[in-house]
Structure formats: C-alpha cells, structure tokens
Amino acid sequence: MSVHDIDKARSTYETFMGSLKWIVPVLAIITLFVVMLIAP
C-alpha cells in the first residue's frame, strides 16, 4: 500500500466516525420519541 492510499483511508474513516458521532444520538432520540408514542 502506498502512503496515498493510507491517507485516503484515514480521511474516509475520520469522516465516517465524525458522522457517527451525530447519527447515533439523533437515532436514539428518534427511537425514544417513537417508544414514548407507542407506550401507554
């Protein structure tokens, strides 16, 4: 593997993890909201 491939992979990983930090809490809030609607 060349250095360029590793830099590209690291960039992709950092973008993915950055997105995940926002997506997981948003999904948790949506899930909690839906459960509260369904629960009596």
C-alpha atoms as a PDB file:
ATOM      1  CA  MET A   1       0.000   0.000   0.000  1.00  0.00           C
ATOM      2  CA  SER A   2       1.254   3.421  -0.836  1.00  0.00           C
ATOM      3  CA  VAL A   3       1.157   6.349   1.548  1.00  0.00           C
ATOM      4  CA  HIS A   4      -1.564   7.973  -0.557  1.00  0.00           C
ATOM      5  CA  ASP A   5      -3.902   5.012  -0.006  1.00  0.00           C
ATOM      6  CA  ILE A   6      -3.385   5.163   3.748  1.00  0.00           C
ATOM      7  CA  ASP A   7      -4.106   8.904   3.824  1.00  0.00           C
ATOM      8  CA  LYS A   8      -7.291   8.374   1.820  1.00  0.00           C
ATOM      9  CA  ALA A   9      -8.385   5.522   4.105  1.00  0.00           C
ATOM     10  CA  ARG A  10      -7.705   7.611   7.211  1.00  0.00           C
ATOM     11  CA  SER A  11      -9.713  10.504   5.782  1.00  0.00           C
ATOM     12  CA  THR A  12     -12.636   8.223   4.979  1.00  0.00           C
ATOM     13  CA  TYR A  13     -12.513   6.687   8.461  1.00  0.00           C
ATOM     14  CA  GLU A  14     -12.400  10.088  10.171  1.00  0.00           C
ATOM     15  CA  THR A  15     -15.357  11.308   8.102  1.00  0.00           C
ATOM     16  CA  PHE A  16     -17.323   8.170   8.951  1.00  0.00           C
ATOM     17  CA  MET A  17     -16.601   8.422  12.676  1.00  0.00           C
ATOM     18  CA  GLY A  18     -17.430  12.135  12.691  1.00  0.00           C
ATOM     19  CA  SER A  19     -20.791  11.387  11.090  1.00  0.00           C
ATOM     20  CA  LEU A  20     -21.414   8.531  13.502  1.00  0.00           C
ATOM     21  CA  LYS A  21     -20.994  10.886  16.478  1.00  0.00           C
ATOM     22  CA  TRP A  22     -24.049  12.811  15.232  1.00  0.00           C
ATOM     23  CA  ILE A  23     -26.101   9.976  13.782  1.00  0.00           C
ATOM     24  CA  VAL A  24     -26.173   7.719  16.868  1.00  0.00           C
ATOM     25  CA  PRO A  25     -27.591  10.319  19.305  1.00  0.00           C
ATOM     26  CA  VAL A  26     -30.140  11.504  16.731  1.00  0.00           C
ATOM     27  CA  LEU A  27     -31.325   7.930  16.158  1.00  0.00           C
ATOM     28  CA  ALA A  28     -31.509   7.381  19.922  1.00  0.00           C
ATOM     29  CA  ILE A  29     -33.716  10.456  20.336  1.00  0.00           C
ATOM     30  CA  ILE A  30     -35.981   9.413  17.462  1.00  0.00           C
ATOM     31  CA  THR A  31     -36.258   5.901  18.910  1.00  0.00           C
ATOM     32  CA  LEU A  32     -37.095   7.262  22.368  1.00  0.00           C
ATOM     33  CA  PHE A  33     -39.752   9.532  20.852  1.00  0.00           C
ATOM     34  CA  VAL A  34     -41.368   6.651  18.964  1.00  0.00           C
ATOM     35  CA  VAL A  35     -41.323   4.406  22.037  1.00  0.00           C
ATOM     36  CA  MET A  36     -42.974   7.154  24.085  1.00  0.00           C
ATOM     37  CA  LEU A  37     -45.704   7.473  21.431  1.00  0.00           C
ATOM     38  CA  ILE A  38     -46.348   3.726  21.402  1.00  0.00           C
ATOM     39  CA  ALA A  39     -46.190   3.151  25.167  1.00  0.00           C
ATOM     40  CA  PRO A  40     -49.468   3.728  27.009  1.00  0.00           C
END
